[in-house]
Amino acid sequence: MNLIKYEVKNYIGYITLNRPKVLNCFDYNLLVELENLVEEIYLDEQVRVIIFTGEGEKAFSVGADLKERKSLSEKNVKRNVKKISSVFNLIRNMPQVTIAAVNGFALGAGFELMLSCDFRIAVKEAAMGLPEVNWAIIPGAGGTQLLPRLIGEQKAKELIFTGKRISAQQAKEYGLLYQVVSRDNFYSTCNELAIEICSNAPKSLIQAKYAINRGLNVDIRTGLDIEQKAYEITIPTKDRQEALNAFKEKRKPLFTGN
C-alpha cells in the first residue's frame, strides 16, 4: 500500500496521508515518501494549489508513530525528528499555495503539518492540539515557533504547556482555522477555495506568498524591499499583459503562467 495518495486535477494537487489504520501517523517511511513528493511538486508548474488531508474520516494525522518511536534508538529518534522538521519546512516554503483539509484529529505533528499550510479548513468534528508535554517531550516540527506567531504568545503557551485538545470551533475562535464546515460540505469548500485561487496568475501567487512569508519576521523597511523585488518579477510576465488586455476588452483573463 502506498503511504501517500497523490493526484492532480485542474492545477490542484491532492496529497492524502494514507495510513488510516493508525490514524495517519508519521513513521520514517511516510516522512521520506512525503519529502520526495514535495520536492517533486516544487518544480511542477502544472500545480498551483495543494490540498493536504488524511485518509478516512477519523484523522488528518495524530502525529508521530509512537509504536515506531518506542523501538528506536536515541540516534534514530533524533533522525526522525530532524526529518519531520525538514519536511514540514519544505512544505512551508513551497511556491504553491497550500490548504490543510483537516478531516479529523490533528494532533502533535499532524497539528504542525496543519500549521505549515497557508490555509486550514476543518470539519466540525475535528479536534486538535499539541500533546507532546504529556509524553515528556516538546513539539519538534515547528509548533513552538509557528503557533505563537499565529495566535499570540499566551494562547500558544496555554496549548503547548497543557497539551490539551481543543475543538474545531475553539480553534476557529483562537484564529487557527480559516473555516469550520460540516462534513457534507467539507471537500467542496476546500475545492472552492483552491479553484478561486487557481484562477489568478501563477507567478503572482508565487511572489505574493514569497513576499508575505519572507516579510513576516523582518522589520517593515526590509519587508517593503522584499515586496518591491517580488513585484518587479511580475512586471515582464505575459500574464500581466493579458490582465491589462482583458480589462480593456471587458473579459475574464486567461492566465498561462508565463
C-alpha atoms as a PDB file:
ATOM      1  CA  MET A   1       0.000   0.000   0.000  1.00  0.00           C
ATOM      2  CA  ASN A   2       1.261   3.456  -0.897  1.00  0.00           C
ATOM      3  CA  LEU A   3       1.753   5.569   2.190  1.00  0.00           C
ATOM      4  CA  ILE A   4       0.618   8.652   0.270  1.00  0.00           C
ATOM      5  CA  LYS A   5      -2.046   9.108  -2.392  1.00  0.00           C
ATOM      6  CA  TYR A   6      -1.422  11.877  -4.895  1.00  0.00           C
ATOM      7  CA  GLU A   7      -3.319  13.192  -7.891  1.00  0.00           C
ATOM      8  CA  VAL A   8      -3.589  16.435  -9.846  1.00  0.00           C
ATOM      9  CA  LYS A   9      -6.813  17.856 -11.289  1.00  0.00           C
ATOM     10  CA  ASN A  10      -7.187  21.271 -12.886  1.00  0.00           C
ATOM     11  CA  TYR A  11      -3.957  22.651 -11.383  1.00  0.00           C
ATOM     12  CA  ILE A  12      -4.855  21.381  -7.889  1.00  0.00           C
ATOM     13  CA  GLY A  13      -2.676  18.724  -6.260  1.00  0.00           C
ATOM     14  CA  TYR A  14      -4.282  16.416  -3.703  1.00  0.00           C
ATOM     15  CA  ILE A  15      -1.956  14.823  -1.137  1.00  0.00           C
ATOM     16  CA  THR A  16      -3.562  12.251   1.158  1.00  0.00           C
ATOM     17  CA  LEU A  17      -1.703  10.644   4.055  1.00  0.00           C
ATOM     18  CA  ASN A  18      -2.656   7.001   3.654  1.00  0.00           C
ATOM     19  CA  ARG A  19      -2.225   5.150   6.943  1.00  0.00           C
ATOM     20  CA  PRO A  20      -5.846   5.149   8.157  1.00  0.00           C
ATOM     21  CA  LYS A  21      -5.472   2.097  10.415  1.00  0.00           C
ATOM     22  CA  VAL A  22      -3.003   4.057  12.583  1.00  0.00           C
ATOM     23  CA  LEU A  23      -4.815   7.380  12.137  1.00  0.00           C
ATOM     24  CA  ASN A  24      -2.325   8.583   9.510  1.00  0.00           C
ATOM     25  CA  CYS A  25       0.548   8.914  11.952  1.00  0.00           C
ATOM     26  CA  PHE A  26       4.057   9.578  10.669  1.00  0.00           C
ATOM     27  CA  ASP A  27       6.655   6.833  10.608  1.00  0.00           C
ATOM     28  CA  TYR A  28      10.026   7.335   8.956  1.00  0.00           C
ATOM     29  CA  ASN A  29       8.989   5.742   5.663  1.00  0.00           C
ATOM     30  CA  LEU A  30       5.999   8.067   5.340  1.00  0.00           C
ATOM     31  CA  LEU A  31       8.220  11.075   6.006  1.00  0.00           C
ATOM     32  CA  VAL A  32      10.695  10.030   3.304  1.00  0.00           C
ATOM     33  CA  GLU A  33       7.882   9.448   0.800  1.00  0.00           C
ATOM     34  CA  LEU A  34       6.318  12.818   1.643  1.00  0.00           C
ATOM     35  CA  GLU A  35       9.659  14.581   1.321  1.00  0.00           C
ATOM     36  CA  ASN A  36      10.302  13.074  -2.112  1.00  0.00           C
ATOM     37  CA  LEU A  37       6.822  14.018  -3.311  1.00  0.00           C
ATOM     38  CA  VAL A  38       7.041  17.606  -2.051  1.00  0.00           C
ATOM     39  CA  GLU A  39      10.427  18.088  -3.720  1.00  0.00           C
ATOM     40  CA  GLU A  40       8.941  16.798  -6.987  1.00  0.00           C
ATOM     41  CA  ILE A  41       5.921  19.136  -6.765  1.00  0.00           C
ATOM     42  CA  TYR A  42       8.186  22.145  -6.112  1.00  0.00           C
ATOM     43  CA  LEU A  43       9.160  22.155  -9.774  1.00  0.00           C
ATOM     44  CA  ASP A  44       5.765  21.221 -11.235  1.00  0.00           C
ATOM     45  CA  GLU A  45       4.286  24.292 -12.917  1.00  0.00           C
ATOM     46  CA  GLN A  46       1.043  22.393 -13.510  1.00  0.00           C
ATOM     47  CA  VAL A  47       0.300  22.522  -9.776  1.00  0.00           C
ATOM     48  CA  ARG A  48      -0.832  25.866  -8.368  1.00  0.00           C
ATOM     49  CA  VAL A  49      -2.602  24.816  -5.163  1.00  0.00           C
ATOM     50  CA  ILE A  50      -2.064  21.764  -2.954  1.00  0.00           C
ATOM     51  CA  ILE A  51      -4.637  20.281  -0.594  1.00  0.00           C
ATOM     52  CA  PHE A  52      -3.301  18.082   2.224  1.00  0.00           C
ATOM     53  CA  THR A  53      -5.636  15.678   4.015  1.00  0.00           C
ATOM     54  CA  GLY A  54      -5.749  12.295   5.721  1.00  0.00           C
ATOM     55  CA  GLU A  55      -7.348   9.075   4.529  1.00  0.00           C
ATOM     56  CA  GLY A  56     -10.659   8.187   6.177  1.00  0.00           C
ATOM     57  CA  GLU A  57     -12.896  10.264   8.414  1.00  0.00           C
ATOM     58  CA  LYS A  58     -11.188   9.824  11.780  1.00  0.00           C
ATOM     59  CA  ALA A  59      -7.904  11.665  11.439  1.00  0.00           C
ATOM     60  CA  PHE A  60      -5.919  14.202   9.486  1.00  0.00           C
ATOM     61  CA  SER A  61      -2.916  12.842  11.411  1.00  0.00           C
ATOM     62  CA  VAL A  62      -2.344  12.062  15.078  1.00  0.00           C
ATOM     63  CA  GLY A  63       1.377  12.832  14.826  1.00  0.00           C
ATOM     64  CA  ALA A  64       4.427  10.646  15.247  1.00  0.00           C
ATOM     65  CA  ASP A  65       4.118   6.870  15.176  1.00  0.00           C
ATOM     66  CA  LEU A  66       4.670   6.141  18.875  1.00  0.00           C
ATOM     67  CA  LYS A  67       4.956   2.393  18.331  1.00  0.00           C
ATOM     68  CA  GLU A  68       7.848   3.033  15.972  1.00  0.00           C
ATOM     69  CA  ARG A  69       9.377   5.596  18.344  1.00  0.00           C
ATOM     70  CA  LYS A  70       9.352   3.089  21.212  1.00  0.00           C
ATOM     71  CA  SER A  71      11.530   0.710  19.169  1.00  0.00           C
ATOM     72  CA  LEU A  72      14.056   3.342  18.052  1.00  0.00           C
ATOM     73  CA  SER A  73      17.451   4.159  19.473  1.00  0.00           C
ATOM     74  CA  GLU A  74      18.066   7.732  20.634  1.00  0.00           C
ATOM     75  CA  LYS A  75      20.067   8.280  17.452  1.00  0.00           C
ATOM     76  CA  ASN A  76      17.159   7.250  15.263  1.00  0.00           C
ATOM     77  CA  VAL A  77      14.680   9.295  17.285  1.00  0.00           C
ATOM     78  CA  LYS A  78      16.856  12.320  16.507  1.00  0.00           C
ATOM     79  CA  ARG A  79      16.891  11.239  12.853  1.00  0.00           C
ATOM     80  CA  ASN A  80      13.083  11.123  12.774  1.00  0.00           C
ATOM     81  CA  VAL A  81      12.669  14.476  14.495  1.00  0.00           C
ATOM     82  CA  LYS A  82      15.159  16.103  12.127  1.00  0.00           C
ATOM     83  CA  LYS A  83      13.394  14.550   9.132  1.00  0.00           C
ATOM     84  CA  ILE A  84       9.897  15.663  10.113  1.00  0.00           C
ATOM     85  CA  SER A  85      11.137  19.177  10.834  1.00  0.00           C
ATOM     86  CA  SER A  86      12.884  19.419   7.459  1.00  0.00           C
ATOM     87  CA  VAL A  87       9.874  18.005   5.562  1.00  0.00           C
ATOM     88  CA  PHE A  88       7.457  20.467   7.156  1.00  0.00           C
ATOM     89  CA  ASN A  89       9.883  23.283   6.463  1.00  0.00           C
ATOM     90  CA  LEU A  90       9.818  22.251   2.794  1.00  0.00           C
ATOM     91  CA  ILE A  91       6.027  22.374   2.868  1.00  0.00           C
ATOM     92  CA  ARG A  92       6.001  25.839   4.462  1.00  0.00           C
ATOM     93  CA  ASN A  93       8.270  27.110   1.708  1.00  0.00           C
ATOM     94  CA  MET A  94       6.518  25.516  -1.254  1.00  0.00           C
ATOM     95  CA  PRO A  95       5.870  28.070  -4.016  1.00  0.00           C
ATOM     96  CA  GLN A  96       2.336  26.724  -4.388  1.00  0.00           C
ATOM     97  CA  VAL A  97      -0.497  27.782  -2.101  1.00  0.00           C
ATOM     98  CA  THR A  98      -1.270  25.049   0.438  1.00  0.00           C
ATOM     99  CA  ILE A  99      -4.528  24.113   2.170  1.00  0.00           C
ATOM    100  CA  ALA A 100      -4.838  21.740   5.126  1.00  0.00           C
ATOM    101  CA  ALA A 101      -8.139  19.875   4.858  1.00  0.00           C
ATOM    102  CA  VAL A 102      -8.452  18.752   8.480  1.00  0.00           C
ATOM    103  CA  ASN A 103     -10.884  15.842   8.308  1.00  0.00           C
ATOM    104  CA  GLY A 104     -10.485  14.624  11.900  1.00  0.00           C
ATOM    105  CA  PHE A 105      -7.894  14.521  14.681  1.00  0.00           C
ATOM    106  CA  ALA A 106      -4.876  16.780  14.124  1.00  0.00           C
ATOM    107  CA  LEU A 107      -2.502  16.098  16.993  1.00  0.00           C
ATOM    108  CA  GLY A 108       1.209  16.618  17.531  1.00  0.00           C
ATOM    109  CA  ALA A 109       2.961  16.536  14.184  1.00  0.00           C
ATOM    110  CA  GLY A 110      -0.447  16.392  12.499  1.00  0.00           C
ATOM    111  CA  PHE A 111      -1.219  19.739  14.118  1.00  0.00           C
ATOM    112  CA  GLU A 112       2.188  21.038  12.999  1.00  0.00           C
ATOM    113  CA  LEU A 113       1.533  19.924   9.411  1.00  0.00           C
ATOM    114  CA  MET A 114      -1.702  21.895   9.585  1.00  0.00           C
ATOM    115  CA  LEU A 115       0.208  24.938  10.864  1.00  0.00           C
ATOM    116  CA  SER A 116       2.656  24.612   7.974  1.00  0.00           C
ATOM    117  CA  CYS A 117      -0.088  25.233   5.399  1.00  0.00           C
ATOM    118  CA  ASP A 118      -1.308  28.613   4.179  1.00  0.00           C
ATOM    119  CA  PHE A 119      -4.969  27.850   4.932  1.00  0.00           C
ATOM    120  CA  ARG A 120      -6.620  25.476   7.392  1.00  0.00           C
ATOM    121  CA  ILE A 121     -10.191  24.234   6.932  1.00  0.00           C
ATOM    122  CA  ALA A 122     -11.649  21.702   9.375  1.00  0.00           C
ATOM    123  CA  VAL A 123     -14.773  19.614   9.812  1.00  0.00           C
ATOM    124  CA  LYS A 124     -16.875  20.421  12.869  1.00  0.00           C
ATOM    125  CA  GLU A 125     -15.955  17.085  14.459  1.00  0.00           C
ATOM    126  CA  ALA A 126     -12.198  17.719  14.285  1.00  0.00           C
ATOM    127  CA  ALA A 127     -10.114  18.005  17.437  1.00  0.00           C
ATOM    128  CA  MET A 128      -6.569  19.274  17.604  1.00  0.00           C
ATOM    129  CA  GLY A 129      -3.683  20.006  19.921  1.00  0.00           C
ATOM    130  CA  LEU A 130      -0.027  19.598  20.815  1.00  0.00           C
ATOM    131  CA  PRO A 131       0.136  16.868  23.492  1.00  0.00           C
ATOM    132  CA  GLU A 132       3.924  16.491  23.468  1.00  0.00           C
ATOM    133  CA  VAL A 133       4.477  17.649  27.069  1.00  0.00           C
ATOM    134  CA  ASN A 134       2.242  14.755  28.159  1.00  0.00           C
ATOM    135  CA  TRP A 135       4.882  12.470  26.613  1.00  0.00           C
ATOM    136  CA  ALA A 136       7.808  14.297  28.281  1.00  0.00           C
ATOM    137  CA  ILE A 137       8.922  15.964  25.040  1.00  0.00           C
ATOM    138  CA  ILE A 138       8.085  19.201  23.226  1.00  0.00           C
ATOM    139  CA  PRO A 139       6.711  19.982  19.757  1.00  0.00           C
ATOM    140  CA  GLY A 140       9.587  19.417  17.348  1.00  0.00           C
ATOM    141  CA  ALA A 141       8.241  20.197  13.880  1.00  0.00           C
ATOM    142  CA  GLY A 142       7.614  23.918  14.193  1.00  0.00           C
ATOM    143  CA  GLY A 143       4.913  24.079  16.863  1.00  0.00           C
ATOM    144  CA  THR A 144       6.771  26.233  19.381  1.00  0.00           C
ATOM    145  CA  GLN A 145       7.649  28.748  16.656  1.00  0.00           C
ATOM    146  CA  LEU A 146       4.631  28.775  14.344  1.00  0.00           C
ATOM    147  CA  LEU A 147       1.843  28.736  16.925  1.00  0.00           C
ATOM    148  CA  PRO A 148       2.880  31.898  18.854  1.00  0.00           C
ATOM    149  CA  ARG A 149       3.261  33.757  15.569  1.00  0.00           C
ATOM    150  CA  LEU A 150      -0.206  32.688  14.526  1.00  0.00           C
ATOM    151  CA  ILE A 151      -2.291  33.116  17.703  1.00  0.00           C
ATOM    152  CA  GLY A 152      -0.026  35.044  20.089  1.00  0.00           C
ATOM    153  CA  GLU A 153       2.328  34.034  22.880  1.00  0.00           C
ATOM    154  CA  GLN A 154      -0.145  33.483  25.720  1.00  0.00           C
ATOM    155  CA  LYS A 155      -2.642  31.307  23.839  1.00  0.00           C
ATOM    156  CA  ALA A 156       0.209  29.323  22.291  1.00  0.00           C
ATOM    157  CA  LYS A 157       1.738  28.693  25.709  1.00  0.00           C
ATOM    158  CA  GLU A 158      -1.650  27.589  27.024  1.00  0.00           C
ATOM    159  CA  LEU A 159      -1.985  24.935  24.327  1.00  0.00           C
ATOM    160  CA  ILE A 160       1.637  23.792  24.495  1.00  0.00           C
ATOM    161  CA  PHE A 161       2.055  23.818  28.300  1.00  0.00           C
ATOM    162  CA  THR A 162      -1.221  21.997  28.992  1.00  0.00           C
ATOM    163  CA  GLY A 163      -1.129  19.677  25.988  1.00  0.00           C
ATOM    164  CA  LYS A 164      -4.922  19.847  25.854  1.00  0.00           C
ATOM    165  CA  ARG A 165      -7.112  19.186  22.853  1.00  0.00           C
ATOM    166  CA  ILE A 166      -9.470  21.802  21.517  1.00  0.00           C
ATOM    167  CA  SER A 167     -12.465  21.529  19.219  1.00  0.00           C
ATOM    168  CA  ALA A 168     -12.571  22.888  15.693  1.00  0.00           C
ATOM    169  CA  GLN A 169     -14.813  25.726  16.849  1.00  0.00           C
ATOM    170  CA  GLN A 170     -12.393  26.650  19.643  1.00  0.00           C
ATOM    171  CA  ALA A 171      -9.544  26.546  17.119  1.00  0.00           C
ATOM    172  CA  LYS A 172     -11.512  28.924  14.890  1.00  0.00           C
ATOM    173  CA  GLU A 173     -12.009  31.296  17.826  1.00  0.00           C
ATOM    174  CA  TYR A 174      -8.261  31.138  18.566  1.00  0.00           C
ATOM    175  CA  GLY A 175      -7.533  32.202  14.986  1.00  0.00           C
ATOM    176  CA  LEU A 176      -6.129  28.832  13.951  1.00  0.00           C
ATOM    177  CA  LEU A 177      -8.654  27.964  11.266  1.00  0.00           C
ATOM    178  CA  TYR A 178      -9.856  29.703   8.135  1.00  0.00           C
ATOM    179  CA  GLN A 179     -13.191  27.876   8.183  1.00  0.00           C
ATOM    180  CA  VAL A 180     -15.118  25.190  10.069  1.00  0.00           C
ATOM    181  CA  VAL A 181     -17.695  23.338   7.970  1.00  0.00           C
ATOM    182  CA  SER A 182     -19.950  20.307   8.050  1.00  0.00           C
ATOM    183  CA  ARG A 183     -18.555  17.073   6.688  1.00  0.00           C
ATOM    184  CA  ASP A 184     -21.093  17.154   3.853  1.00  0.00           C
ATOM    185  CA  ASN A 185     -19.657  20.454   2.593  1.00  0.00           C
ATOM    186  CA  PHE A 186     -16.074  19.864   3.642  1.00  0.00           C
ATOM    187  CA  TYR A 187     -14.268  18.854   0.471  1.00  0.00           C
ATOM    188  CA  SER A 188     -16.363  21.110  -1.750  1.00  0.00           C
ATOM    189  CA  THR A 189     -15.413  24.060   0.478  1.00  0.00           C
ATOM    190  CA  CYS A 190     -11.711  23.195   0.204  1.00  0.00           C
ATOM    191  CA  ASN A 191     -12.034  22.802  -3.564  1.00  0.00           C
ATOM    192  CA  GLU A 192     -13.911  26.075  -3.975  1.00  0.00           C
ATOM    193  CA  LEU A 193     -11.116  27.976  -2.257  1.00  0.00           C
ATOM    194  CA  ALA A 194      -8.487  26.169  -4.347  1.00  0.00           C
ATOM    195  CA  ILE A 195     -10.355  26.902  -7.592  1.00  0.00           C
ATOM    196  CA  GLU A 196     -10.739  30.574  -6.697  1.00  0.00           C
ATOM    197  CA  ILE A 197      -7.011  30.860  -6.007  1.00  0.00           C
ATOM    198  CA  CYS A 198      -6.120  28.929  -9.188  1.00  0.00           C
ATOM    199  CA  SER A 199      -7.991  31.450 -11.315  1.00  0.00           C
ATOM    200  CA  ASN A 200      -5.230  34.000 -10.689  1.00  0.00           C
ATOM    201  CA  ALA A 201      -1.830  34.356 -12.327  1.00  0.00           C
ATOM    202  CA  PRO A 202       0.532  31.627 -11.069  1.00  0.00           C
ATOM    203  CA  LYS A 203       3.640  33.799 -10.838  1.00  0.00           C
ATOM    204  CA  SER A 204       1.681  36.447  -8.941  1.00  0.00           C
ATOM    205  CA  LEU A 205       0.585  33.822  -6.418  1.00  0.00           C
ATOM    206  CA  ILE A 206       4.162  32.616  -6.004  1.00  0.00           C
ATOM    207  CA  GLN A 207       5.557  36.105  -5.499  1.00  0.00           C
ATOM    208  CA  ALA A 208       2.744  37.204  -3.183  1.00  0.00           C
ATOM    209  CA  LYS A 209       3.299  34.149  -0.974  1.00  0.00           C
ATOM    210  CA  TYR A 210       7.050  34.703  -1.027  1.00  0.00           C
ATOM    211  CA  ALA A 211       6.690  38.362  -0.022  1.00  0.00           C
ATOM    212  CA  ILE A 212       4.297  37.579   2.833  1.00  0.00           C
ATOM    213  CA  ASN A 213       6.307  34.672   4.245  1.00  0.00           C
ATOM    214  CA  ARG A 214       9.681  36.383   3.950  1.00  0.00           C
ATOM    215  CA  GLY A 215       8.380  39.662   5.301  1.00  0.00           C
ATOM    216  CA  LEU A 216       6.625  38.357   8.396  1.00  0.00           C
ATOM    217  CA  ASN A 217       9.667  38.236  10.634  1.00  0.00           C
ATOM    218  CA  VAL A 218      11.692  41.218   9.449  1.00  0.00           C
ATOM    219  CA  ASP A 219      11.358  44.934  10.086  1.00  0.00           C
ATOM    220  CA  ILE A 220       8.878  46.860   7.927  1.00  0.00           C
ATOM    221  CA  ARG A 221      11.571  48.511   5.816  1.00  0.00           C
ATOM    222  CA  THR A 222      13.138  45.185   4.903  1.00  0.00           C
ATOM    223  CA  GLY A 223       9.669  43.759   4.296  1.00  0.00           C
ATOM    224  CA  LEU A 224       8.813  46.522   1.861  1.00  0.00           C
ATOM    225  CA  ASP A 225      12.074  45.898  -0.005  1.00  0.00           C
ATOM    226  CA  ILE A 226      11.126  42.216  -0.284  1.00  0.00           C
ATOM    227  CA  GLU A 227       7.714  43.207  -1.612  1.00  0.00           C
ATOM    228  CA  GLN A 228       9.221  45.575  -4.182  1.00  0.00           C
ATOM    229  CA  LYS A 229      11.577  42.923  -5.550  1.00  0.00           C
ATOM    230  CA  ALA A 230       8.766  40.357  -5.683  1.00  0.00           C
ATOM    231  CA  TYR A 231       6.560  42.848  -7.547  1.00  0.00           C
ATOM    232  CA  GLU A 232       9.292  43.530 -10.118  1.00  0.00           C
ATOM    233  CA  ILE A 233       9.394  39.847 -11.043  1.00  0.00           C
ATOM    234  CA  THR A 234       5.758  40.035 -12.183  1.00  0.00           C
ATOM    235  CA  ILE A 235       6.239  43.085 -14.436  1.00  0.00           C
ATOM    236  CA  PRO A 236       7.714  41.370 -17.545  1.00  0.00           C
ATOM    237  CA  THR A 237       5.258  38.440 -17.480  1.00  0.00           C
ATOM    238  CA  LYS A 238       2.827  37.722 -20.295  1.00  0.00           C
ATOM    239  CA  ASP A 239       0.116  37.196 -17.710  1.00  0.00           C
ATOM    240  CA  ARG A 240       0.384  40.815 -16.578  1.00  0.00           C
ATOM    241  CA  GLN A 241      -0.163  41.964 -20.159  1.00  0.00           C
ATOM    242  CA  GLU A 242      -3.024  39.510 -20.513  1.00  0.00           C
ATOM    243  CA  ALA A 243      -4.694  41.030 -17.433  1.00  0.00           C
ATOM    244  CA  LEU A 244      -4.438  44.514 -18.929  1.00  0.00           C
ATOM    245  CA  ASN A 245      -5.781  43.337 -22.296  1.00  0.00           C
ATOM    246  CA  ALA A 246      -8.655  41.514 -20.626  1.00  0.00           C
ATOM    247  CA  PHE A 247      -9.563  44.635 -18.659  1.00  0.00           C
ATOM    248  CA  LYS A 248      -9.579  46.703 -21.833  1.00  0.00           C
ATOM    249  CA  GLU A 249     -11.656  44.112 -23.683  1.00  0.00           C
ATOM    250  CA  LYS A 250     -14.041  43.602 -20.738  1.00  0.00           C
ATOM    251  CA  ARG A 251     -13.433  39.881 -20.483  1.00  0.00           C
ATOM    252  CA  LYS A 252     -12.012  37.452 -17.961  1.00  0.00           C
ATOM    253  CA  PRO A 253      -8.225  36.996 -18.260  1.00  0.00           C
ATOM    254  CA  LEU A 254      -6.793  33.610 -19.219  1.00  0.00           C
ATOM    255  CA  PHE A 255      -3.556  33.098 -17.323  1.00  0.00           C
ATOM    256  CA  THR A 256      -0.955  30.626 -18.562  1.00  0.00           C
ATOM    257  CA  GLY A 257       1.820  31.080 -16.021  1.00  0.00           C
ATOM    258  CA  ASN A 258       4.093  32.882 -18.458  1.00  0.00           C
END
